[in-house]
Protein backbone atom coordinates (compact mmCIF):
# COMPACT_ATOMS: atom_id res chain seq x y z
CA MET A 1 -37.29 -35.71 33.85
CA LEU A 2 -39.34 -35.81 30.94
CA PHE A 3 -43.04 -37.55 30.53
CA ASN A 4 -41.83 -38.75 27.05
CA THR A 5 -39.09 -41.18 28.46
CA TYR A 6 -39.38 -45.02 29.67
CA VAL A 7 -37.66 -44.38 33.08
CA PHE A 8 -41.04 -42.39 33.71
CA ILE A 9 -43.46 -43.96 31.90
CA PHE A 10 -42.33 -47.73 33.18
CA ALA A 11 -40.75 -46.77 36.79
CA PHE A 12 -41.30 -43.62 38.26
CA TRP A 13 -44.96 -43.32 37.37
CA PRO A 14 -46.15 -46.12 38.77
CA ILE A 15 -44.25 -47.03 41.43
CA SER A 16 -44.83 -43.70 42.98
CA VAL A 17 -48.70 -43.91 42.49
CA VAL A 18 -48.62 -47.97 43.96
CA ILE A 19 -46.39 -46.36 46.98
CA TYR A 20 -48.61 -43.44 47.50
CA PHE A 21 -51.75 -45.70 47.60
CA ILE A 22 -50.65 -48.34 49.81
CA LEU A 23 -49.40 -46.22 51.99
CA ASN A 24 -53.29 -44.63 52.03
CA ARG A 25 -54.70 -48.43 52.42
CA LEU A 26 -52.87 -48.84 55.28
CA ARG A 27 -54.06 -45.65 56.70
CA PHE A 28 -50.87 -44.05 57.12
CA VAL A 29 -52.06 -40.66 55.37
CA THR A 30 -49.29 -38.57 56.24
CA ALA A 31 -46.95 -41.02 54.97
CA ALA A 32 -48.63 -41.30 51.75
CA LYS A 33 -48.85 -37.00 51.25
CA LEU A 34 -45.12 -37.38 52.48
CA SER A 35 -43.99 -40.07 49.78
CA LEU A 36 -45.54 -37.79 47.00
CA VAL A 37 -43.56 -34.85 47.92
CA VAL A 38 -40.24 -36.65 48.39
CA ALA A 39 -41.64 -38.41 44.15
CA SER A 40 -42.17 -34.89 43.45
CA LEU A 41 -38.74 -33.91 44.57
CA VAL A 42 -36.85 -36.47 42.76
CA PHE A 43 -38.61 -35.55 39.89
CA TYR A 44 -37.70 -32.24 39.38
CA SER A 45 -34.17 -33.15 40.54
CA TRP A 46 -33.69 -35.65 38.51
CA TRP A 47 -32.64 -33.08 35.72
CA ASN A 48 -30.38 -30.89 38.01
CA ILE A 49 -29.77 -31.61 41.86
CA SER A 50 -27.88 -28.53 42.69
CA TYR A 51 -31.53 -26.80 42.32
CA LEU A 52 -33.05 -28.70 44.74
CA PRO A 53 -32.37 -26.34 47.61
CA LEU A 54 -33.42 -23.59 45.08
CA ILE A 55 -37.05 -24.72 44.82
CA LEU A 56 -36.87 -25.64 49.09
CA GLY A 57 -35.81 -22.31 49.64
CA SER A 58 -38.43 -20.79 47.56
CA ILE A 59 -41.38 -22.94 49.23
CA ALA A 60 -40.02 -21.65 52.66
CA PHE A 61 -39.59 -18.53 51.92
CA ASN A 62 -43.08 -17.81 50.53
CA TYR A 63 -44.88 -20.23 53.29
CA ILE A 64 -43.68 -18.27 56.25
CA VAL A 65 -44.58 -15.19 54.58
CA GLY A 66 -47.70 -16.31 53.88
CA ARG A 67 -48.45 -17.30 57.30
CA PHE A 68 -47.49 -13.69 59.03
CA ILE A 69 -49.38 -12.18 56.13
CA GLN A 70 -52.63 -14.47 57.56
CA VAL A 71 -52.14 -13.38 61.14
CA ALA A 72 -51.55 -9.99 60.25
CA VAL A 73 -54.80 -9.95 57.96
CA HIS A 74 -56.43 -11.52 61.44
CA HIS A 75 -55.16 -8.93 63.66
CA ARG A 76 -55.87 -6.73 61.08
CA GLN A 77 -59.86 -7.90 60.92
CA GLU A 78 -60.04 -7.99 64.91
CA GLU A 79 -58.90 -4.53 65.38
CA SER A 80 -61.74 -3.34 63.08
CA LEU A 81 -63.90 -5.34 64.50
CA LEU A 82 -63.27 -4.35 67.89
CA ASP A 83 -63.26 -0.83 67.18
CA GLN A 84 -66.55 -0.64 65.56
CA GLY A 85 -67.49 -2.15 69.09
CA GLN A 86 -68.58 -5.73 67.19
CA ILE A 87 -66.54 -7.19 69.77
CA GLU A 88 -65.16 -6.76 73.68
CA GLY A 89 -61.71 -6.68 74.74
CA THR A 90 -59.40 -5.99 78.01
CA GLY A 91 -58.27 -2.16 78.52
CA ASN A 92 -54.85 -2.89 76.69
CA HIS A 93 -55.96 -5.42 74.00
CA ASN A 94 -56.01 -2.69 71.68
CA SER A 95 -52.09 -1.37 72.66
CA HIS A 96 -50.73 -5.25 72.78
CA ARG A 97 -52.63 -5.77 69.53
CA ARG A 98 -50.70 -2.42 67.99
CA GLY A 99 -47.47 -4.04 69.31
CA LEU A 100 -47.68 -7.48 67.81
CA LEU A 101 -48.98 -6.51 64.54
CA ARG A 102 -46.78 -6.49 61.27
CA SER A 103 -48.60 -4.88 58.21
CA PRO A 104 -50.31 -7.52 55.32
CA LYS A 105 -49.14 -4.54 52.99
CA ALA A 106 -45.50 -4.61 54.10
CA LEU A 107 -45.44 -8.55 54.28
CA LEU A 108 -46.66 -8.51 50.87
CA ILE A 109 -43.99 -6.31 49.32
CA ILE A 110 -41.65 -8.54 51.06
CA GLY A 111 -42.83 -11.27 49.42
CA LEU A 112 -43.32 -10.13 46.06
CA VAL A 113 -40.01 -8.78 45.59
CA GLY A 114 -38.13 -11.97 47.06
CA ASN A 115 -40.42 -13.92 44.43
CA LEU A 116 -39.54 -11.31 41.60
CA LEU A 117 -35.61 -10.54 42.09
CA LEU A 118 -35.11 -14.82 42.75
CA LEU A 119 -37.00 -14.81 38.82
CA ALA A 120 -34.73 -11.70 37.82
CA TYR A 121 -31.47 -12.95 38.69
CA TYR A 122 -32.04 -15.96 36.97
CA LYS A 123 -34.21 -15.11 33.91
CA TYR A 124 -33.04 -11.70 33.21
CA THR A 125 -29.65 -10.79 34.53
CA ASP A 126 -28.12 -11.63 31.48
CA PHE A 127 -30.70 -9.78 29.30
CA PHE A 128 -30.24 -7.12 31.19
CA PHE A 129 -25.99 -7.03 31.37
CA THR A 130 -26.42 -7.46 27.57
CA ASN A 131 -28.54 -4.59 27.01
CA ILE A 132 -26.00 -2.14 29.10
CA ASN A 133 -23.03 -3.56 27.53
CA GLU A 134 -24.55 -2.50 24.09
CA LEU A 135 -26.41 0.87 25.31
CA THR A 136 -22.98 2.00 27.24
CA GLY A 137 -20.00 -0.13 25.94
CA GLN A 138 -19.37 -1.46 28.83
CA THR A 139 -18.23 -5.19 29.19
CA ILE A 140 -20.14 -6.41 32.20
CA PRO A 141 -19.13 -10.24 31.54
CA LEU A 142 -22.26 -12.41 31.32
CA LEU A 143 -23.57 -14.59 34.30
CA ASN A 144 -24.50 -17.70 31.85
CA LEU A 145 -26.47 -19.17 34.48
CA VAL A 146 -28.88 -22.21 33.59
CA LEU A 147 -32.50 -21.34 34.14
CA PRO A 148 -34.17 -23.73 37.07
CA LEU A 149 -36.73 -25.64 35.47
CA GLY A 150 -40.13 -24.71 36.11
CA ILE A 151 -38.84 -21.77 37.98
CA SER A 152 -42.19 -19.21 36.05
CA PHE A 153 -44.33 -21.62 37.19
CA PHE A 154 -43.63 -22.25 40.64
CA THR A 155 -42.58 -18.52 41.20
CA PHE A 156 -45.75 -17.71 39.57
CA THR A 157 -47.83 -19.92 41.64
CA GLN A 158 -46.88 -19.27 44.98
CA ILE A 159 -47.32 -15.24 43.80
CA ALA A 160 -50.73 -16.34 43.55
CA TYR A 161 -51.23 -17.62 47.33
CA LEU A 162 -49.43 -14.58 48.48
CA VAL A 163 -51.69 -11.82 47.25
CA ASP A 164 -54.63 -14.33 48.09
CA ALA A 165 -53.38 -14.63 51.50
CA TYR A 166 -53.02 -11.30 51.60
CA ARG A 167 -56.88 -10.17 50.33
CA GLY A 168 -57.85 -12.93 53.05
CA LYS A 169 -58.68 -15.96 50.57
CA THR A 170 -56.60 -18.64 52.19
CA ARG A 171 -56.26 -20.50 55.06
CA GLU A 172 -54.02 -22.48 57.22
CA TYR A 173 -52.27 -25.13 55.54
CA ASN A 174 -49.71 -27.03 57.25
CA ILE A 175 -46.27 -27.13 55.18
CA LEU A 176 -46.20 -30.49 54.18
CA SER A 177 -49.21 -29.63 52.15
CA TYR A 178 -48.07 -26.28 50.98
CA ILE A 179 -44.82 -28.03 49.61
CA LEU A 180 -46.75 -31.31 48.04
CA PHE A 181 -49.31 -28.05 46.21
CA VAL A 182 -45.93 -26.20 44.93
CA THR A 183 -44.21 -29.45 44.15
CA PHE A 184 -46.59 -31.57 42.60
CA TYR A 185 -45.04 -33.31 39.85
CA PRO A 186 -47.73 -33.45 37.12
CA HIS A 187 -47.78 -29.63 36.77
CA LEU A 188 -44.10 -28.63 38.34
CA ILE A 189 -42.16 -28.17 35.40
CA ALA A 190 -44.89 -26.38 32.69
CA GLY A 191 -48.23 -25.79 34.40
CA PRO A 192 -50.63 -25.58 34.89
CA ILE A 193 -50.38 -21.99 36.97
CA LEU A 194 -52.31 -23.89 40.02
CA HIS A 195 -54.81 -21.86 42.33
CA HIS A 196 -54.52 -23.42 45.91
CA SER A 197 -58.15 -23.47 46.35
CA GLU A 198 -58.69 -25.66 43.64
CA MET A 199 -55.94 -28.16 44.41
CA MET A 200 -55.33 -28.36 48.37
CA PRO A 201 -58.22 -29.94 49.16
CA GLN A 202 -58.66 -32.52 46.78
CA PHE A 203 -55.06 -33.86 48.78
CA ASP A 204 -57.28 -34.03 51.62
CA ARG A 205 -60.31 -35.24 50.63
CA LEU A 206 -61.02 -39.00 51.63
CA ARG A 207 -62.44 -40.65 48.82
CA ASN A 208 -58.93 -38.85 46.61
CA LYS A 209 -57.28 -41.61 48.91
CA HIS A 210 -58.66 -44.58 47.55
CA TRP A 211 -57.69 -45.90 44.36
CA ASN A 212 -60.22 -45.25 41.40
CA TRP A 213 -60.29 -46.81 38.42
CA ASN A 214 -62.36 -44.30 36.53
CA ASN A 215 -59.71 -42.39 36.90
CA ALA A 216 -56.61 -44.40 36.19
CA SER A 217 -58.32 -45.23 33.16
CA LYS A 218 -59.90 -41.79 32.18
CA GLY A 219 -56.08 -40.83 32.97
CA ILE A 220 -54.08 -43.71 31.09
CA TYR A 221 -56.24 -42.74 27.58
CA ILE A 222 -55.93 -38.80 28.05
CA PHE A 223 -51.92 -39.33 29.20
CA CYS A 224 -51.79 -41.44 25.58
CA ILE A 225 -53.12 -38.96 23.28
CA GLY A 226 -50.84 -36.48 24.78
CA LEU A 227 -47.74 -38.59 24.74
CA PHE A 228 -48.87 -38.94 21.19
CA LYS A 229 -49.31 -35.29 20.04
CA LYS A 230 -45.75 -34.43 21.42
CA VAL A 231 -43.57 -37.38 20.57
CA VAL A 232 -45.30 -38.08 17.14
CA ILE A 233 -46.70 -34.44 15.77
CA ALA A 234 -45.08 -31.64 17.71
CA ASP A 235 -41.41 -33.44 17.15
CA THR A 236 -42.65 -34.31 13.35
CA PHE A 237 -43.54 -29.88 13.01
CA ALA A 238 -40.37 -29.22 14.85
CA GLU A 239 -38.24 -30.79 12.12
CA PHE A 240 -39.99 -28.57 9.69
CA ALA A 241 -39.77 -25.54 12.07
CA ASN A 242 -36.02 -25.31 13.10
CA ASP A 243 -35.01 -25.93 9.45
CA GLY A 244 -37.56 -22.66 8.24
CA PHE A 245 -36.51 -21.33 11.27
CA SER A 246 -33.08 -20.91 10.21
CA THR A 247 -32.52 -20.74 6.09
CA ALA A 248 -36.43 -20.11 4.77
CA HIS A 249 -36.63 -16.22 3.36
CA GLN A 250 -38.98 -16.32 0.46
CA PHE A 251 -42.81 -16.50 -0.02
CA VAL A 252 -43.54 -20.06 0.60
CA ASP A 253 -41.44 -21.13 2.37
CA THR A 254 -41.46 -18.89 5.13
CA TRP A 255 -45.26 -19.88 5.39
CA VAL A 256 -44.59 -23.36 5.83
CA ALA A 257 -41.68 -22.52 8.31
CA THR A 258 -43.93 -20.68 10.64
CA LEU A 259 -47.20 -22.92 9.96
CA SER A 260 -44.62 -25.49 10.90
CA TYR A 261 -43.99 -23.80 14.50
CA THR A 262 -47.58 -22.84 15.12
CA PHE A 263 -48.80 -26.16 15.15
CA GLN A 264 -45.42 -27.62 17.11
CA LEU A 265 -46.14 -24.97 19.72
CA TYR A 266 -49.94 -25.89 19.67
CA PHE A 267 -49.76 -30.03 20.44
CA ASP A 268 -46.46 -29.57 21.98
CA PHE A 269 -47.76 -27.74 25.08
CA SER A 270 -51.58 -29.13 24.35
CA GLY A 271 -49.48 -32.42 24.86
CA TYR A 272 -48.05 -31.83 27.96
CA THR A 273 -50.72 -30.72 29.27
CA ASP A 274 -52.70 -33.88 28.20
CA MET A 275 -49.97 -36.31 29.83
CA ALA A 276 -49.90 -33.40 33.22
CA ILE A 277 -54.01 -34.05 33.62
CA GLY A 278 -53.56 -37.65 32.81
CA ALA A 279 -50.67 -38.07 35.22
CA ALA A 280 -52.26 -36.29 38.26
CA LEU A 281 -55.68 -38.35 37.57
CA LEU A 282 -54.30 -41.69 38.64
CA PHE A 283 -53.86 -39.89 41.88
CA ASN A 284 -57.27 -38.78 41.53
CA ILE A 285 -56.39 -35.37 41.68
CA VAL A 286 -58.13 -32.89 38.49
CA LEU A 287 -55.57 -30.27 37.42
CA PRO A 288 -57.50 -27.22 35.70
CA GLN A 289 -58.31 -27.42 31.83
CA ASN A 290 -55.27 -25.04 29.82
CA PHE A 291 -56.51 -25.30 26.95
CA ASN A 292 -59.50 -25.61 24.76
CA SER A 293 -59.15 -25.48 20.87
CA PRO A 294 -57.18 -22.23 20.90
CA TYR A 295 -57.08 -22.40 17.10
CA LYS A 296 -61.15 -22.07 16.72
CA ALA A 297 -60.86 -18.78 18.14
CA VAL A 298 -62.62 -15.93 16.18
CA SER A 299 -60.73 -12.78 17.93
CA LEU A 300 -57.92 -12.33 20.73
CA GLN A 301 -60.16 -12.01 23.08
CA ASP A 302 -61.50 -15.83 22.78
CA PHE A 303 -58.45 -16.83 22.03
CA TRP A 304 -56.68 -16.09 25.22
CA ARG A 305 -59.41 -17.71 26.86
CA ARG A 306 -58.92 -20.60 25.49
CA TRP A 307 -55.05 -20.82 25.21
CA HIS A 308 -52.77 -21.43 28.26
CA MET A 309 -56.25 -20.39 30.40
CA THR A 310 -54.26 -20.91 33.67
CA LEU A 311 -51.57 -18.14 32.71
CA SER A 312 -54.34 -15.99 31.59
CA ARG A 313 -56.25 -16.20 34.87
CA PHE A 314 -52.96 -15.07 36.61
CA LEU A 315 -52.33 -12.33 34.26
CA ARG A 316 -56.20 -11.07 34.44
CA ASP A 317 -56.87 -11.53 38.32
CA TYR A 318 -53.58 -10.31 39.51
CA ILE A 319 -52.19 -8.38 36.77
CA TYR A 320 -54.94 -6.92 34.62
CA PHE A 321 -57.43 -6.07 37.49
CA PRO A 322 -55.10 -4.56 40.11
CA LEU A 323 -54.22 -2.22 37.45
CA GLY A 324 -57.73 -0.49 37.30
CA GLY A 325 -58.78 -3.60 34.84
CA SER A 326 -61.83 -1.44 32.61
CA ARG A 327 -63.20 0.34 35.80
CA ARG A 328 -61.64 3.45 35.02
CA GLY A 329 -62.73 4.15 31.42
CA GLU A 330 -61.58 2.93 27.92
CA ALA A 331 -58.27 4.52 27.40
CA ILE A 332 -56.82 3.71 30.88
CA ALA A 333 -58.56 -0.13 29.83
CA ILE A 334 -56.87 -0.27 26.53
CA ARG A 335 -52.98 0.68 28.33
CA ASN A 336 -53.70 -1.86 31.30
CA VAL A 337 -55.08 -4.52 28.04
CA ILE A 338 -50.75 -3.43 26.04
CA ILE A 339 -49.10 -3.38 30.15
CA THR A 340 -50.67 -7.00 31.00
CA PHE A 341 -49.94 -8.62 27.90
CA THR A 342 -46.25 -7.04 28.12
CA ILE A 343 -45.63 -8.14 31.04
CA GLY A 344 -46.52 -11.40 29.73
CA GLY A 345 -44.72 -11.81 26.82
CA PHE A 346 -41.77 -10.82 28.98
CA TRP A 347 -42.47 -13.56 31.46
CA HIS A 348 -42.35 -16.11 28.86
CA GLY A 349 -38.26 -14.87 28.04
CA ALA A 350 -35.93 -13.01 28.69
CA GLY A 351 -35.71 -11.10 25.17
CA TRP A 352 -37.20 -8.15 22.91
CA THR A 353 -38.54 -10.79 20.42
CA PHE A 354 -40.73 -11.82 23.90
CA MET A 355 -41.73 -8.80 24.41
CA MET A 356 -42.74 -7.64 21.23
CA TRP A 357 -44.98 -10.67 21.03
CA GLY A 358 -46.46 -10.30 24.16
CA PHE A 359 -46.78 -6.42 23.34
CA LEU A 360 -48.84 -7.19 19.66
CA HIS A 361 -50.99 -9.41 22.01
CA GLY A 362 -52.07 -6.54 24.21
CA ALA A 363 -52.55 -4.34 20.82
CA GLY A 364 -54.37 -6.66 18.89
CA GLN A 365 -56.94 -6.85 21.98
CA ALA A 366 -56.87 -3.38 22.00
CA ILE A 367 -58.06 -3.31 18.28
CA HIS A 368 -60.39 -5.61 18.97
CA ARG A 369 -62.32 -3.78 21.92
CA LEU A 370 -62.35 -0.49 19.24
CA TRP A 371 -63.66 -2.55 16.84
CA MET A 372 -66.65 -4.34 19.28
CA LYS A 373 -68.08 -0.86 19.86
CA VAL A 374 -67.37 1.03 16.82
CA GLY A 375 -67.38 -1.64 13.71
CA LYS A 376 -69.95 -3.97 12.27
CA PRO A 377 -69.12 -7.69 13.24
CA LEU A 378 -67.71 -9.58 10.86
CA PRO A 379 -68.52 -12.92 9.18
CA LYS A 380 -67.33 -15.97 11.74
CA TRP A 381 -65.41 -17.47 9.00
CA PHE A 382 -63.40 -13.97 8.38
CA ALA A 383 -63.58 -13.39 11.96
CA TRP A 384 -61.50 -16.69 12.59
CA LEU A 385 -59.44 -16.15 9.56
CA ILE A 386 -58.00 -12.62 10.87
CA THR A 387 -57.53 -14.03 13.82
CA PHE A 388 -55.58 -17.47 13.09
CA ILE A 389 -53.26 -15.19 10.81
CA PHE A 390 -52.31 -13.21 13.60
CA ILE A 391 -51.66 -15.02 15.60
CA ASN A 392 -49.50 -17.26 13.23
CA VAL A 393 -47.64 -14.03 12.38
CA THR A 394 -46.88 -13.00 16.12
CA TRP A 395 -45.69 -16.55 17.03
CA VAL A 396 -42.86 -15.71 14.56
CA PHE A 397 -41.68 -13.39 17.42
CA PHE A 398 -42.36 -16.05 20.01
CA ARG A 399 -40.13 -18.46 17.90
CA ALA A 400 -37.34 -16.19 16.35
CA ASP A 401 -33.68 -15.99 18.11
CA SER A 402 -33.63 -12.45 17.60
CA ILE A 403 -35.25 -9.18 15.82
CA PRO A 404 -33.40 -9.42 12.68
CA GLN A 405 -34.70 -13.92 12.24
CA ALA A 406 -37.85 -12.46 12.49
CA ASN A 407 -37.80 -9.46 10.08
CA ARG A 408 -36.20 -12.21 7.87
CA LEU A 409 -39.39 -14.20 8.02
CA LEU A 410 -41.92 -11.59 8.12
CA LYS A 411 -40.67 -10.42 4.37
CA GLY A 412 -40.46 -13.49 3.67
CA MET A 413 -44.52 -13.83 4.13
CA ILE A 414 -45.77 -10.31 2.83
CA GLY A 415 -43.63 -11.97 -0.79
CA LEU A 416 -40.58 -9.49 -0.16
CA ASN A 417 -37.95 -11.47 -0.64
CA GLY A 418 -39.16 -13.07 -4.21
CA PHE A 419 -41.65 -16.13 -4.67
CA ASP A 420 -39.60 -18.82 -5.59
CA MET A 421 -41.31 -22.20 -6.04
CA GLY A 422 -38.21 -24.47 -6.28
CA SER A 423 -38.06 -25.63 -3.62
CA PHE A 424 -41.37 -27.40 -3.77
CA LYS A 425 -40.43 -30.59 -3.02
CA THR A 426 -38.64 -29.88 -0.19
CA LEU A 427 -41.59 -28.21 1.61
CA ALA A 428 -43.64 -30.92 0.50
CA PRO A 429 -43.71 -32.78 3.33
CA ALA A 430 -44.71 -30.58 5.47
CA GLY A 431 -46.93 -28.66 4.18
CA ILE A 432 -48.91 -32.45 3.53
CA CYS A 433 -48.58 -32.28 7.36
CA ILE A 434 -50.20 -28.73 7.66
CA LEU A 435 -52.82 -29.62 5.54
CA ILE A 436 -53.67 -32.83 7.36
CA PHE A 437 -53.91 -31.32 11.00
CA LEU A 438 -55.42 -28.39 10.30
CA PRO A 439 -59.06 -29.66 9.30
CA ILE A 440 -58.20 -32.07 12.79
CA VAL A 441 -57.53 -29.10 15.28
CA LEU A 442 -60.33 -27.39 13.59
CA PHE A 443 -63.34 -29.76 13.67
CA THR A 444 -62.21 -32.37 16.03
CA ARG A 445 -63.19 -32.90 19.43
CA ASN A 446 -60.08 -32.01 21.75
CA SER A 447 -58.78 -34.33 24.54
CA SER A 448 -61.63 -32.22 27.62
CA GLU A 449 -64.25 -32.72 25.42
CA ARG A 450 -63.19 -36.94 24.97
CA ILE A 451 -62.81 -37.05 28.46
CA GLU A 452 -65.39 -35.42 29.65
CA ASN A 453 -68.10 -38.68 29.45
CA PHE A 454 -65.52 -40.69 28.86
CA ARG A 455 -66.29 -44.41 29.40
CA PRO A 456 -64.04 -47.36 28.96
CA THR A 457 -64.68 -49.56 25.33
CA TRP A 458 -62.29 -52.21 23.46
CA LYS A 459 -62.66 -49.87 20.88
CA LYS A 460 -61.06 -46.52 22.73
CA ALA A 461 -58.38 -49.36 24.08
CA VAL A 462 -57.60 -50.61 21.43
CA PHE A 463 -57.49 -47.23 19.82
CA ILE A 464 -54.83 -45.53 22.61
CA ALA A 465 -52.68 -49.14 23.32
CA VAL A 466 -51.70 -48.47 19.20
CA ALA A 467 -50.93 -45.15 19.47
CA PHE A 468 -49.28 -45.52 22.40
CA ILE A 469 -47.17 -48.27 20.73
CA ILE A 470 -46.39 -46.07 18.15
CA SER A 471 -45.70 -43.02 20.10
CA LEU A 472 -42.77 -45.62 22.01
CA LEU A 473 -41.50 -46.01 18.16
CA TYR A 474 -40.35 -42.42 18.55
CA PHE A 475 -38.46 -42.23 21.75
CA ASN A 476 -35.47 -42.35 19.72
CA ARG A 477 -35.52 -38.97 19.07
CA ILE A 478 -36.45 -37.46 22.09
CA THR A 479 -36.75 -33.75 23.09
CA GLU A 480 -37.77 -31.35 25.88
CA PHE A 481 -41.27 -29.52 25.78
CA LEU A 482 -41.26 -26.30 24.80
CA TYR A 483 -42.77 -24.65 27.84
CA PHE A 484 -39.70 -26.27 29.69
CA ASN A 485 -37.58 -23.31 28.46
CA PHE A 486 -40.00 -20.65 30.24
């Protein structure tokens, strides 16, 4: 199910909210939570019910492994205290414990391997088969699997949970709470990538079980902003970007194409995030911020603190730090940065273009680290310009269907294919949109800033009503969100 559809906005979302709060008002707290779980599974199954057993199987596997890890960690801590004489035990206590214990590390490895195998099977099998066929001349048949929606997001969310269980940072949760944590429908399909400690307590907080008009008004306000971003702005830029990536090859049209995609991706993904945050707020659930005006960034490091912030957090905490971070010298830190972002690129999609995109961002961050040590500070406007151009150029690999297509666009962007202005009239609408929205992105307050000190007023009500009505007029060209593909 898509957020930008009549069935979601006028039926599914309000009905699920009403049922949830009616059950809570009647003090059927467990039933209310169950109703939200059922709604989330219906939301997921709407696309393809055949993948419902997949997500339920993944949840069951990770919940069981997580509980075993928690028990093993607890037993390991008890044994450590026993060996230190800080607690007393019976004569055979130690041997009995050893007989029951399971290695937390071994359990974690089982959990990680299980999750990664599931992700690899659906997302990367055909990629590997294709490359093996090209290298060896074999004809291994491709599986042509349809990628289950949200598999990357719910897999990474559960990997983080297992790692935190191994680190002793989780507590016991019942299965219903865990299912809701993973499947809560506002975030399920395209993130944010959630952390258990910031979500699970919210579902059990007593004040969150009562209807809150302030949260409801905030939620509807930011949801409508996100809807407008997606269906009016992002999908308009999508038409320019799709045409350009298919045919553009000279200087002007390639820059128009790539800048169109730069803005399409921003308004598409930030629009989804706004809608997810808004939908969750009606349940009194606060999702973590995922965007903070990323195109205002004055360095790549700054960009990744602003763009897809929950993914950046995951890459830092569960890949970069375990690799050693920056604790073992600058050379190792640079290696770790490049590895982390290359993996992040491959997470986005099974293709060399995604790996190149990730590698370039890792290499760019490495260069930035070195410059900060030996170079002079750049003027802020120049640092922003270099960063924005780099981001725009690397989005070419993110969007391109193949390396040859990316090379065609990059050659055009540096003028190797000519500077023909003959198509200027055709490109004018896209150019005008770019000129309109660039200053909006750079100089206006973002959605998070708008709701931070939000107060309902008639002016805001009229503004958001007009934006909502205009958005509905664009429902004749409903498209999926870009990050549904990842």
